[in-house]
Amino acid sequence: MSHINNEYVSSFINFLSEDMDYLELREYAEANNVPIMKTETKEFLKTLVSISKPKSILEIGTAIGYSSLVFSKYSDADITTIELSSEMANIAKDNFKRYDKNINLINDDAEKALTTLNQGFDFVFIDANKSNYKFYFDYVGKYLLNKGGIIVADNILFRGEVCNDDLIEKRKITIVKRLRNFLAYITKREDYKTSIVPIGDGLSISYKEI
């Protein structure tokens, strides 16, 4: 159960929009305990990319390729995605081929992979190691994000644990602290306009003004 919203709120939001995007991949993810974006998050992000019309998208954290495919479906952007796990990367590549999508996948550690990129991106989606969110944000913002670009980070409320000490699992204390510090950091930066959106597992959306 999500502690971000009451369950009836999420159910109502999902009821309003019929999910027709890669349902077989969502079923696979649920059956195999692979974390992918929640349906209400996907609906929000497909609208965001449709409005912002990015020419280039960078994703940090591919998993089985679900979110990359959603971005490809709702934009004309060139997409680069980074995934550490060789197993997940191979599944994602098969899914890209299955749906005939030309998506550039880098199978490597994200911190290392980011240093090999030399192009600018209009839209960046962060959904990888939560302890490294600040590093990803800073590196992308300094070296890879175009002016007017957007950085979106997923799962930033972490099942509500970031918002409520009573919900924190002891083994997750470090992650929660780092996510809290990350949110405090990005919301105080004057070179970005940042909003926290409490849908799915929580999203931060940062617009680079300078």
N, C-alpha and C. Protein backbone atom coordinates (compact mmCIF):
# COMPACT_ATOMS: atom_id res chain seq x y z
N MET A 1 0.84 -1.21 0.00
CA MET A 1 0.00 0.00 0.00
C MET A 1 0.87 1.25 0.00
N SER A 2 0.53 2.22 -0.80
CA SER A 2 1.28 3.48 -0.85
C SER A 2 0.89 4.36 0.32
N HIS A 3 1.89 5.00 0.94
CA HIS A 3 1.62 5.96 2.00
C HIS A 3 1.69 7.39 1.46
N ILE A 4 1.83 7.57 0.14
CA ILE A 4 1.88 8.89 -0.46
C ILE A 4 0.47 9.47 -0.53
N ASN A 5 -0.45 8.69 -1.07
CA ASN A 5 -1.85 9.09 -1.15
C ASN A 5 -2.72 7.99 -0.55
N ASN A 6 -3.93 8.35 -0.16
CA ASN A 6 -4.88 7.31 0.21
C ASN A 6 -5.08 6.40 -0.99
N GLU A 7 -5.26 5.14 -0.73
CA GLU A 7 -5.36 4.17 -1.83
C GLU A 7 -6.54 4.49 -2.74
N TYR A 8 -7.62 5.03 -2.17
CA TYR A 8 -8.78 5.34 -3.02
C TYR A 8 -8.48 6.48 -3.98
N VAL A 9 -7.54 7.37 -3.60
CA VAL A 9 -7.17 8.46 -4.51
C VAL A 9 -6.44 7.90 -5.72
N SER A 10 -5.45 7.04 -5.49
CA SER A 10 -4.72 6.43 -6.60
C SER A 10 -5.64 5.60 -7.47
N SER A 11 -6.55 4.86 -6.84
CA SER A 11 -7.48 4.03 -7.60
C SER A 11 -8.38 4.88 -8.48
N PHE A 12 -8.83 6.03 -7.96
CA PHE A 12 -9.70 6.91 -8.74
C PHE A 12 -8.95 7.52 -9.91
N ILE A 13 -7.70 7.96 -9.67
CA ILE A 13 -6.89 8.53 -10.75
C ILE A 13 -6.69 7.49 -11.85
N ASN A 14 -6.37 6.27 -11.47
CA ASN A 14 -6.15 5.22 -12.46
C ASN A 14 -7.43 4.85 -13.18
N PHE A 15 -8.56 4.94 -12.50
CA PHE A 15 -9.85 4.64 -13.11
C PHE A 15 -10.17 5.63 -14.24
N LEU A 16 -9.75 6.88 -14.06
CA LEU A 16 -10.07 7.91 -15.04
C LEU A 16 -9.34 7.72 -16.36
N SER A 17 -8.14 7.14 -16.32
CA SER A 17 -7.39 6.95 -17.56
C SER A 17 -7.13 5.49 -17.81
N GLU A 18 -7.57 5.02 -18.96
CA GLU A 18 -7.38 3.63 -19.32
C GLU A 18 -5.94 3.43 -19.77
N ASP A 19 -5.25 2.55 -19.10
CA ASP A 19 -3.84 2.31 -19.41
C ASP A 19 -3.74 1.39 -20.62
N MET A 20 -3.17 1.92 -21.70
CA MET A 20 -3.01 1.14 -22.93
C MET A 20 -1.54 1.03 -23.34
N ASP A 21 -0.64 1.34 -22.43
CA ASP A 21 0.78 1.41 -22.76
C ASP A 21 1.55 0.19 -22.25
N TYR A 22 1.93 -0.67 -23.17
CA TYR A 22 2.84 -1.79 -22.87
C TYR A 22 2.36 -2.60 -21.65
N LEU A 23 1.10 -3.00 -21.71
CA LEU A 23 0.50 -3.71 -20.58
C LEU A 23 1.21 -5.02 -20.27
N GLU A 24 1.72 -5.68 -21.32
CA GLU A 24 2.41 -6.95 -21.09
C GLU A 24 3.71 -6.75 -20.31
N LEU A 25 4.34 -5.58 -20.48
CA LEU A 25 5.56 -5.30 -19.71
C LEU A 25 5.22 -4.99 -18.25
N ARG A 26 4.10 -4.30 -18.02
CA ARG A 26 3.68 -4.05 -16.65
C ARG A 26 3.33 -5.36 -15.95
N GLU A 27 2.66 -6.26 -16.68
CA GLU A 27 2.34 -7.57 -16.10
C GLU A 27 3.60 -8.36 -15.78
N TYR A 28 4.58 -8.29 -16.67
CA TYR A 28 5.86 -8.98 -16.44
C TYR A 28 6.54 -8.41 -15.20
N ALA A 29 6.56 -7.09 -15.09
CA ALA A 29 7.22 -6.44 -13.96
C ALA A 29 6.56 -6.84 -12.64
N GLU A 30 5.23 -6.85 -12.63
CA GLU A 30 4.52 -7.22 -11.40
C GLU A 30 4.76 -8.68 -11.04
N ALA A 31 4.80 -9.55 -12.05
CA ALA A 31 4.99 -10.98 -11.80
C ALA A 31 6.41 -11.30 -11.33
N ASN A 32 7.36 -10.46 -11.74
CA ASN A 32 8.77 -10.73 -11.43
C ASN A 32 9.39 -9.73 -10.46
N ASN A 33 8.54 -8.95 -9.80
CA ASN A 33 8.99 -7.99 -8.79
C ASN A 33 10.05 -7.02 -9.32
N VAL A 34 9.83 -6.56 -10.54
CA VAL A 34 10.71 -5.56 -11.14
C VAL A 34 10.07 -4.19 -10.93
N PRO A 35 10.75 -3.27 -10.27
CA PRO A 35 10.15 -1.94 -10.03
C PRO A 35 10.12 -1.10 -11.31
N ILE A 36 8.93 -0.70 -11.70
CA ILE A 36 8.76 0.25 -12.80
C ILE A 36 7.85 1.36 -12.31
N MET A 37 7.77 2.45 -13.06
CA MET A 37 6.95 3.57 -12.61
C MET A 37 5.48 3.17 -12.46
N LYS A 38 4.84 3.76 -11.48
CA LYS A 38 3.43 3.47 -11.24
C LYS A 38 2.58 4.07 -12.37
N THR A 39 1.39 3.53 -12.54
CA THR A 39 0.54 3.95 -13.66
C THR A 39 0.24 5.44 -13.62
N GLU A 40 -0.07 5.98 -12.44
CA GLU A 40 -0.39 7.41 -12.36
C GLU A 40 0.84 8.27 -12.65
N THR A 41 2.02 7.77 -12.29
CA THR A 41 3.26 8.46 -12.63
C THR A 41 3.47 8.47 -14.13
N LYS A 42 3.24 7.34 -14.75
CA LYS A 42 3.38 7.23 -16.21
C LYS A 42 2.44 8.19 -16.92
N GLU A 43 1.20 8.28 -16.46
CA GLU A 43 0.23 9.17 -17.09
C GLU A 43 0.68 10.63 -16.98
N PHE A 44 1.22 10.99 -15.83
CA PHE A 44 1.71 12.35 -15.64
C PHE A 44 2.90 12.64 -16.55
N LEU A 45 3.86 11.71 -16.62
CA LEU A 45 5.07 11.95 -17.39
C LEU A 45 4.82 11.95 -18.90
N LYS A 46 3.87 11.14 -19.35
CA LYS A 46 3.59 11.17 -20.79
C LYS A 46 2.99 12.52 -21.18
N THR A 47 2.23 13.12 -20.28
CA THR A 47 1.70 14.46 -20.53
C THR A 47 2.83 15.49 -20.49
N LEU A 48 3.75 15.34 -19.54
CA LEU A 48 4.85 16.28 -19.40
C LEU A 48 5.74 16.29 -20.64
N VAL A 49 6.09 15.10 -21.15
CA VAL A 49 6.95 15.07 -22.35
C VAL A 49 6.18 15.53 -23.58
N SER A 50 4.88 15.29 -23.61
CA SER A 50 4.08 15.77 -24.73
C SER A 50 4.04 17.30 -24.77
N ILE A 51 4.02 17.93 -23.60
CA ILE A 51 4.00 19.40 -23.51
C ILE A 51 5.39 19.99 -23.78
N SER A 52 6.42 19.41 -23.14
CA SER A 52 7.77 19.99 -23.22
C SER A 52 8.47 19.68 -24.53
N LYS A 53 8.03 18.62 -25.23
CA LYS A 53 8.57 18.25 -26.54
C LYS A 53 10.10 18.21 -26.56
N PRO A 54 10.72 17.41 -25.70
CA PRO A 54 12.18 17.33 -25.70
C PRO A 54 12.71 16.68 -26.99
N LYS A 55 13.85 17.17 -27.43
CA LYS A 55 14.50 16.56 -28.60
C LYS A 55 15.44 15.43 -28.18
N SER A 56 15.84 15.47 -26.92
CA SER A 56 16.75 14.44 -26.41
C SER A 56 16.39 14.13 -24.96
N ILE A 57 16.37 12.84 -24.64
CA ILE A 57 16.01 12.38 -23.29
C ILE A 57 17.11 11.47 -22.77
N LEU A 58 17.49 11.68 -21.52
CA LEU A 58 18.42 10.79 -20.82
C LEU A 58 17.70 10.15 -19.65
N GLU A 59 17.81 8.85 -19.57
CA GLU A 59 17.21 8.12 -18.44
C GLU A 59 18.32 7.42 -17.67
N ILE A 60 18.30 7.57 -16.36
CA ILE A 60 19.26 6.88 -15.49
C ILE A 60 18.49 5.82 -14.72
N GLY A 61 18.63 4.58 -15.15
CA GLY A 61 17.89 3.46 -14.56
C GLY A 61 16.86 2.93 -15.54
N THR A 62 17.22 1.90 -16.29
CA THR A 62 16.38 1.40 -17.37
C THR A 62 15.41 0.31 -16.93
N ALA A 63 15.90 -0.59 -16.06
CA ALA A 63 15.17 -1.82 -15.71
C ALA A 63 14.82 -2.58 -17.00
N ILE A 64 13.55 -2.91 -17.21
CA ILE A 64 13.17 -3.69 -18.39
C ILE A 64 12.85 -2.81 -19.60
N GLY A 65 13.04 -1.50 -19.46
CA GLY A 65 12.85 -0.60 -20.59
C GLY A 65 11.47 0.01 -20.69
N TYR A 66 10.62 -0.19 -19.69
CA TYR A 66 9.24 0.29 -19.75
C TYR A 66 9.17 1.81 -19.91
N SER A 67 9.86 2.54 -19.04
CA SER A 67 9.76 4.00 -19.09
C SER A 67 10.38 4.56 -20.36
N SER A 68 11.47 3.96 -20.83
CA SER A 68 12.06 4.41 -22.10
C SER A 68 11.06 4.26 -23.24
N LEU A 69 10.34 3.16 -23.24
CA LEU A 69 9.34 2.93 -24.29
C LEU A 69 8.20 3.93 -24.20
N VAL A 70 7.80 4.26 -22.98
CA VAL A 70 6.75 5.27 -22.81
C VAL A 70 7.22 6.62 -23.35
N PHE A 71 8.45 7.01 -23.00
CA PHE A 71 8.99 8.27 -23.51
C PHE A 71 9.07 8.26 -25.03
N SER A 72 9.45 7.12 -25.58
CA SER A 72 9.55 7.01 -27.04
C SER A 72 8.18 7.11 -27.70
N LYS A 73 7.18 6.56 -27.06
CA LYS A 73 5.83 6.58 -27.62
C LYS A 73 5.24 7.98 -27.64
N TYR A 74 5.55 8.78 -26.62
CA TYR A 74 4.90 10.09 -26.48
C TYR A 74 5.82 11.27 -26.80
N SER A 75 6.95 11.00 -27.42
CA SER A 75 7.83 12.08 -27.87
C SER A 75 8.56 11.61 -29.12
N ASP A 76 9.19 12.57 -29.79
CA ASP A 76 10.03 12.26 -30.95
C ASP A 76 11.51 12.36 -30.58
N ALA A 77 11.80 12.27 -29.30
CA ALA A 77 13.16 12.50 -28.81
C ALA A 77 14.09 11.33 -29.11
N ASP A 78 15.37 11.67 -29.25
CA ASP A 78 16.41 10.65 -29.21
C ASP A 78 16.61 10.28 -27.74
N ILE A 79 16.62 8.98 -27.45
CA ILE A 79 16.64 8.53 -26.06
C ILE A 79 17.90 7.72 -25.76
N THR A 80 18.56 8.10 -24.67
CA THR A 80 19.69 7.33 -24.14
C THR A 80 19.33 6.90 -22.73
N THR A 81 19.55 5.63 -22.44
CA THR A 81 19.20 5.12 -21.11
C THR A 81 20.36 4.30 -20.55
N ILE A 82 20.55 4.36 -19.25
CA ILE A 82 21.68 3.72 -18.58
C ILE A 82 21.17 2.69 -17.59
N GLU A 83 21.74 1.48 -17.64
CA GLU A 83 21.33 0.41 -16.73
C GLU A 83 22.56 -0.37 -16.27
N LEU A 84 22.70 -0.55 -14.97
CA LEU A 84 23.84 -1.27 -14.40
C LEU A 84 23.74 -2.78 -14.60
N SER A 85 22.56 -3.35 -14.37
CA SER A 85 22.38 -4.80 -14.41
C SER A 85 22.41 -5.32 -15.85
N SER A 86 23.30 -6.28 -16.10
CA SER A 86 23.37 -6.88 -17.44
C SER A 86 22.09 -7.64 -17.76
N GLU A 87 21.52 -8.29 -16.74
CA GLU A 87 20.28 -9.05 -16.95
C GLU A 87 19.15 -8.12 -17.37
N MET A 88 18.98 -7.01 -16.64
CA MET A 88 17.93 -6.06 -16.99
C MET A 88 18.19 -5.42 -18.34
N ALA A 89 19.45 -5.09 -18.61
CA ALA A 89 19.81 -4.45 -19.88
C ALA A 89 19.46 -5.35 -21.06
N ASN A 90 19.72 -6.63 -20.92
CA ASN A 90 19.40 -7.57 -22.01
C ASN A 90 17.90 -7.69 -22.23
N ILE A 91 17.14 -7.70 -21.14
CA ILE A 91 15.68 -7.74 -21.27
C ILE A 91 15.19 -6.47 -21.95
N ALA A 92 15.74 -5.33 -21.52
CA ALA A 92 15.33 -4.05 -22.12
C ALA A 92 15.64 -4.02 -23.61
N LYS A 93 16.82 -4.48 -23.99
CA LYS A 93 17.19 -4.50 -25.41
C LYS A 93 16.22 -5.36 -26.22
N ASP A 94 15.84 -6.49 -25.64
CA ASP A 94 14.86 -7.35 -26.33
C ASP A 94 13.52 -6.64 -26.47
N ASN A 95 13.13 -5.89 -25.44
CA ASN A 95 11.86 -5.16 -25.50
C ASN A 95 11.91 -4.03 -26.52
N PHE A 96 13.04 -3.35 -26.60
CA PHE A 96 13.18 -2.28 -27.61
C PHE A 96 13.06 -2.88 -29.02
N LYS A 97 13.70 -4.03 -29.20
CA LYS A 97 13.63 -4.70 -30.51
C LYS A 97 12.21 -5.18 -30.79
N ARG A 98 11.56 -5.68 -29.77
CA ARG A 98 10.20 -6.20 -29.90
C ARG A 98 9.24 -5.12 -30.39
N TYR A 99 9.43 -3.89 -29.89
CA TYR A 99 8.54 -2.79 -30.28
C TYR A 99 9.16 -1.89 -31.34
N ASP A 100 10.27 -2.34 -31.90
CA ASP A 100 10.91 -1.63 -33.01
C ASP A 100 11.24 -0.19 -32.64
N LYS A 101 11.90 -0.03 -31.49
CA LYS A 101 12.30 1.30 -31.01
C LYS A 101 13.82 1.42 -31.00
N ASN A 102 14.31 2.50 -31.57
CA ASN A 102 15.75 2.75 -31.62
C ASN A 102 16.16 3.56 -30.39
N ILE A 103 16.48 2.88 -29.32
CA ILE A 103 16.85 3.51 -28.06
C ILE A 103 18.27 3.09 -27.70
N ASN A 104 19.11 4.06 -27.40
CA ASN A 104 20.51 3.80 -27.06
C ASN A 104 20.63 3.39 -25.60
N LEU A 105 21.04 2.15 -25.36
CA LEU A 105 21.17 1.64 -23.99
C LEU A 105 22.64 1.46 -23.65
N ILE A 106 23.05 2.04 -22.53
CA ILE A 106 24.41 1.88 -22.03
C ILE A 106 24.37 0.97 -20.80
N ASN A 107 25.01 -0.18 -20.88
CA ASN A 107 25.03 -1.13 -19.78
C ASN A 107 26.29 -0.90 -18.95
N ASP A 108 26.16 -0.04 -17.94
CA ASP A 108 27.33 0.33 -17.14
C ASP A 108 26.86 1.02 -15.87
N ASP A 109 27.78 1.22 -14.96
CA ASP A 109 27.50 2.02 -13.77
C ASP A 109 27.19 3.45 -14.19
N ALA A 110 26.14 4.03 -13.63
CA ALA A 110 25.67 5.34 -14.08
C ALA A 110 26.72 6.43 -13.87
N GLU A 111 27.41 6.43 -12.73
CA GLU A 111 28.41 7.46 -12.48
C GLU A 111 29.49 7.44 -13.55
N LYS A 112 29.90 6.24 -13.96
CA LYS A 112 30.91 6.11 -15.01
C LYS A 112 30.34 6.47 -16.37
N ALA A 113 29.14 5.96 -16.64
CA ALA A 113 28.53 6.17 -17.96
C ALA A 113 28.27 7.64 -18.24
N LEU A 114 27.88 8.40 -17.23
CA LEU A 114 27.58 9.81 -17.44
C LEU A 114 28.80 10.57 -17.96
N THR A 115 29.98 10.16 -17.50
CA THR A 115 31.20 10.87 -17.91
C THR A 115 31.56 10.59 -19.36
N THR A 116 30.94 9.59 -19.98
CA THR A 116 31.24 9.27 -21.38
C THR A 116 30.33 10.01 -22.34
N LEU A 117 29.30 10.66 -21.83
CA LEU A 117 28.34 11.36 -22.69
C LEU A 117 28.82 12.78 -23.00
N ASN A 118 28.67 13.18 -24.23
CA ASN A 118 29.14 14.51 -24.62
C ASN A 118 28.09 15.32 -25.37
N GLN A 119 26.81 14.96 -25.17
CA GLN A 119 25.74 15.72 -25.80
C GLN A 119 24.87 16.36 -24.72
N GLY A 120 24.07 17.33 -25.11
CA GLY A 120 23.14 17.93 -24.18
C GLY A 120 21.78 17.23 -24.24
N PHE A 121 21.04 17.29 -23.12
CA PHE A 121 19.72 16.66 -23.05
C PHE A 121 18.70 17.69 -22.58
N ASP A 122 17.51 17.57 -23.14
CA ASP A 122 16.41 18.47 -22.77
C ASP A 122 15.59 17.94 -21.59
N PHE A 123 15.63 16.64 -21.39
CA PHE A 123 14.78 16.00 -20.36
C PHE A 123 15.58 14.85 -19.77
N VAL A 124 15.67 14.81 -18.44
CA VAL A 124 16.41 13.75 -17.76
C VAL A 124 15.50 13.11 -16.73
N PHE A 125 15.46 11.79 -16.74
CA PHE A 125 14.64 11.03 -15.80
C PHE A 125 15.56 10.19 -14.93
N ILE A 126 15.53 10.43 -13.62
CA ILE A 126 16.38 9.71 -12.67
C ILE A 126 15.55 8.69 -11.91
N ASP A 127 15.92 7.42 -12.07
CA ASP A 127 15.20 6.34 -11.38
C ASP A 127 16.17 5.19 -11.14
N ALA A 128 17.24 5.50 -10.39
CA ALA A 128 18.28 4.50 -10.15
C ALA A 128 18.60 4.49 -8.65
N ASN A 129 19.87 4.30 -8.31
CA ASN A 129 20.30 4.24 -6.92
C ASN A 129 19.95 5.54 -6.20
N LYS A 130 19.02 5.45 -5.26
CA LYS A 130 18.50 6.66 -4.61
C LYS A 130 19.55 7.39 -3.78
N SER A 131 20.53 6.66 -3.29
CA SER A 131 21.59 7.30 -2.52
C SER A 131 22.45 8.20 -3.38
N ASN A 132 22.40 8.02 -4.70
CA ASN A 132 23.23 8.81 -5.61
C ASN A 132 22.45 9.89 -6.35
N TYR A 133 21.21 10.13 -5.94
CA TYR A 133 20.39 11.11 -6.67
C TYR A 133 21.07 12.47 -6.75
N LYS A 134 21.69 12.93 -5.68
CA LYS A 134 22.32 14.25 -5.70
C LYS A 134 23.46 14.28 -6.70
N PHE A 135 24.27 13.22 -6.73
CA PHE A 135 25.36 13.18 -7.71
C PHE A 135 24.82 13.24 -9.13
N TYR A 136 23.80 12.40 -9.41
CA TYR A 136 23.23 12.40 -10.76
C TYR A 136 22.72 13.79 -11.12
N PHE A 137 22.00 14.40 -10.21
CA PHE A 137 21.42 15.72 -10.46
C PHE A 137 22.51 16.74 -10.74
N ASP A 138 23.54 16.77 -9.89
CA ASP A 138 24.61 17.76 -10.03
C ASP A 138 25.39 17.55 -11.32
N TYR A 139 25.72 16.30 -11.63
CA TYR A 139 26.53 16.05 -12.82
C TYR A 139 25.74 16.39 -14.08
N VAL A 140 24.51 15.92 -14.13
CA VAL A 140 23.67 16.20 -15.29
C VAL A 140 23.46 17.71 -15.44
N GLY A 141 23.15 18.37 -14.33
CA GLY A 141 22.88 19.80 -14.38
C GLY A 141 24.08 20.61 -14.83
N LYS A 142 25.28 20.19 -14.44
CA LYS A 142 26.49 20.93 -14.76
C LYS A 142 26.99 20.66 -16.18
N TYR A 143 26.89 19.40 -16.62
CA TYR A 143 27.55 19.02 -17.87
C TYR A 143 26.62 18.61 -19.01
N LEU A 144 25.40 18.18 -18.71
CA LEU A 144 24.60 17.52 -19.74
C LEU A 144 23.24 18.14 -20.01
N LEU A 145 22.73 18.94 -19.09
CA LEU A 145 21.37 19.47 -19.25
C LEU A 145 21.38 20.78 -20.03
N ASN A 146 20.57 20.83 -21.07
CA ASN A 146 20.45 22.06 -21.85
C ASN A 146 19.69 23.12 -21.06
N LYS A 147 19.94 24.39 -21.41
CA LYS A 147 19.18 25.48 -20.80
C LYS A 147 17.70 25.28 -21.11
N GLY A 148 16.88 25.46 -20.10
CA GLY A 148 15.46 25.19 -20.27
C GLY A 148 15.11 23.73 -20.12
N GLY A 149 16.11 22.93 -19.74
CA GLY A 149 15.89 21.49 -19.59
C GLY A 149 15.18 21.14 -18.29
N ILE A 150 14.71 19.91 -18.22
CA ILE A 150 13.93 19.42 -17.06
C ILE A 150 14.59 18.16 -16.50
N ILE A 151 14.72 18.11 -15.19
CA ILE A 151 15.17 16.90 -14.50
C ILE A 151 14.03 16.39 -13.64
N VAL A 152 13.65 15.14 -13.85
CA VAL A 152 12.61 14.50 -13.05
C VAL A 152 13.24 13.35 -12.27
N ALA A 153 13.01 13.30 -10.98
CA ALA A 153 13.49 12.19 -10.15
C ALA A 153 12.28 11.45 -9.58
N ASP A 154 12.29 10.13 -9.73
CA ASP A 154 11.16 9.32 -9.28
C ASP A 154 11.44 8.72 -7.90
N ASN A 155 10.37 8.32 -7.23
CA ASN A 155 10.42 7.63 -5.93
C ASN A 155 11.04 8.49 -4.83
N ILE A 156 10.89 9.80 -4.93
CA ILE A 156 11.60 10.66 -3.98
C ILE A 156 10.89 10.75 -2.61
N LEU A 157 9.67 10.27 -2.52
CA LEU A 157 9.00 10.22 -1.21
C LEU A 157 9.08 8.83 -0.58
N PHE A 158 9.54 7.87 -1.35
CA PHE A 158 9.93 6.54 -0.87
C PHE A 158 8.89 5.92 0.06
N ARG A 159 7.72 5.67 -0.54
CA ARG A 159 6.61 5.02 0.18
C ARG A 159 6.15 5.80 1.41
N GLY A 160 6.41 7.10 1.41
CA GLY A 160 6.01 7.96 2.51
C GLY A 160 7.03 8.04 3.63
N GLU A 161 8.08 7.22 3.58
CA GLU A 161 9.07 7.20 4.66
C GLU A 161 9.82 8.51 4.76
N VAL A 162 9.99 9.20 3.62
CA VAL A 162 10.68 10.49 3.63
C VAL A 162 9.87 11.53 4.40
N CYS A 163 8.56 11.35 4.45
CA CYS A 163 7.66 12.35 5.05
C CYS A 163 7.32 12.07 6.50
N ASN A 164 7.53 10.85 6.96
CA ASN A 164 7.01 10.47 8.28
C ASN A 164 7.98 9.51 8.96
N ASP A 165 8.58 9.94 10.05
CA ASP A 165 9.54 9.11 10.77
C ASP A 165 8.94 7.79 11.24
N ASP A 166 7.64 7.78 11.51
CA ASP A 166 7.00 6.57 12.02
C ASP A 166 6.97 5.45 10.98
N LEU A 167 7.15 5.79 9.72
CA LEU A 167 7.09 4.80 8.66
C LEU A 167 8.45 4.22 8.28
N ILE A 168 9.52 4.81 8.78
CA ILE A 168 10.87 4.44 8.32
C ILE A 168 11.27 3.05 8.82
N GLU A 169 11.69 2.20 7.88
CA GLU A 169 12.30 0.93 8.23
C GLU A 169 13.75 1.18 8.62
N LYS A 170 14.21 0.49 9.65
CA LYS A 170 15.57 0.74 10.16
C LYS A 170 16.62 0.57 9.07
N ARG A 171 16.44 -0.44 8.20
CA ARG A 171 17.46 -0.69 7.17
C ARG A 171 17.40 0.33 6.04
N LYS A 172 16.40 1.21 6.07
CA LYS A 172 16.26 2.22 5.03
C LYS A 172 16.59 3.63 5.52
N ILE A 173 17.09 3.74 6.74
CA ILE A 173 17.32 5.06 7.34
C ILE A 173 18.28 5.90 6.49
N THR A 174 19.36 5.29 6.01
CA THR A 174 20.36 6.03 5.23
C THR A 174 19.76 6.56 3.93
N ILE A 175 18.99 5.73 3.24
CA ILE A 175 18.35 6.16 1.99
C ILE A 175 17.39 7.32 2.26
N VAL A 176 16.59 7.19 3.31
CA VAL A 176 15.62 8.24 3.64
C VAL A 176 16.33 9.55 3.94
N LYS A 177 17.41 9.50 4.72
CA LYS A 177 18.17 10.72 5.05
C LYS A 177 18.72 11.37 3.80
N ARG A 178 19.24 10.55 2.89
CA ARG A 178 19.83 11.10 1.67
C ARG A 178 18.76 11.69 0.75
N LEU A 179 17.60 11.05 0.71
CA LEU A 179 16.51 11.61 -0.10
C LEU A 179 16.01 12.92 0.50
N ARG A 180 15.91 13.00 1.81
CA ARG A 180 15.51 14.25 2.46
C ARG A 180 16.51 15.36 2.15
N ASN A 181 17.80 15.02 2.25
CA ASN A 181 18.83 16.01 1.95
C ASN A 181 18.77 16.43 0.48
N PHE A 182 18.51 15.46 -0.39
CA PHE A 182 18.40 15.74 -1.82
C PHE A 182 17.25 16.71 -2.10
N LEU A 183 16.11 16.46 -1.50
CA LEU A 183 14.95 17.33 -1.72
C LEU A 183 15.18 18.73 -1.16
N ALA A 184 15.79 18.81 0.01
CA ALA A 184 16.11 20.12 0.58
C ALA A 184 17.08 20.88 -0.33
N TYR A 185 18.02 20.15 -0.89
CA TYR A 185 19.05 20.75 -1.76
C TYR A 185 18.45 21.30 -3.06
N ILE A 186 17.65 20.48 -3.75
CA ILE A 186 17.15 20.92 -5.06
C ILE A 186 16.07 22.00 -4.93
N THR A 187 15.32 21.99 -3.84
CA THR A 187 14.27 23.02 -3.69
C THR A 187 14.85 24.37 -3.29
N LYS A 188 16.10 24.38 -2.79
CA LYS A 188 16.72 25.64 -2.39
C LYS A 188 17.59 26.25 -3.50
N ARG A 189 17.83 25.50 -4.55
CA ARG A 189 18.69 26.02 -5.63
C ARG A 189 17.97 27.11 -6.41
N GLU A 190 18.65 28.23 -6.58
CA GLU A 190 18.03 29.38 -7.25
C GLU A 190 18.08 29.26 -8.77
N ASP A 191 18.91 28.35 -9.29
CA ASP A 191 19.00 28.21 -10.75
C ASP A 191 17.99 27.22 -11.30
N TYR A 192 17.16 26.65 -10.43
CA TYR A 192 16.10 25.74 -10.84
C TYR A 192 14.79 26.15 -10.19
N LYS A 193 13.70 25.88 -10.89
CA LYS A 193 12.38 25.92 -10.28
C LYS A 193 11.97 24.47 -10.05
N THR A 194 11.73 24.09 -8.81
CA THR A 194 11.46 22.70 -8.47
C THR A 194 10.11 22.55 -7.79
N SER A 195 9.37 21.54 -8.21
CA SER A 195 8.11 21.18 -7.56
C SER A 195 8.16 19.72 -7.15
N ILE A 196 7.53 19.40 -6.04
CA ILE A 196 7.38 18.03 -5.58
C ILE A 196 5.94 17.61 -5.84
N VAL A 197 5.78 16.53 -6.58
CA VAL A 197 4.44 16.07 -6.96
C VAL A 197 4.14 14.76 -6.24
N PRO A 198 3.16 14.75 -5.34
CA PRO A 198 2.87 13.55 -4.54
C PRO A 198 1.95 12.56 -5.25
N ILE A 199 2.40 12.03 -6.38
CA ILE A 199 1.69 10.94 -7.04
C ILE A 199 2.64 9.78 -7.19
N GLY A 200 2.08 8.59 -7.40
CA GLY A 200 2.93 7.41 -7.48
C GLY A 200 3.72 7.27 -6.19
N ASP A 201 5.05 7.25 -6.32
CA ASP A 201 5.91 7.20 -5.14
C ASP A 201 6.63 8.53 -4.94
N GLY A 202 6.06 9.58 -5.55
CA GLY A 202 6.62 10.91 -5.41
C GLY A 202 7.58 11.26 -6.54
N LEU A 203 7.41 12.45 -7.11
CA LEU A 203 8.27 12.94 -8.17
C LEU A 203 8.79 14.33 -7.82
N SER A 204 10.03 14.60 -8.19
CA SER A 204 10.51 15.98 -8.17
C SER A 204 10.71 16.40 -9.62
N ILE A 205 10.30 17.64 -9.92
CA ILE A 205 10.44 18.17 -11.27
C ILE A 205 11.20 19.48 -11.17
N SER A 206 12.37 19.53 -11.77
CA SER A 206 13.24 20.70 -11.69
C SER A 206 13.49 21.27 -13.07
N TYR A 207 13.16 22.55 -13.23
CA TYR A 207 13.31 23.25 -14.50
C TYR A 207 14.52 24.17 -14.42
N LYS A 208 15.47 23.99 -15.35
CA LYS A 208 16.70 24.78 -15.33
C LYS A 208 16.49 26.10 -16.04
N GLU A 209 16.54 27.18 -15.26
CA GLU A 209 16.28 28.50 -15.83
C GLU A 209 17.54 29.13 -16.43
N ILE A 210 18.69 28.85 -15.85
CA ILE A 210 19.93 29.52 -16.26
C ILE A 210 20.77 28.61 -17.16
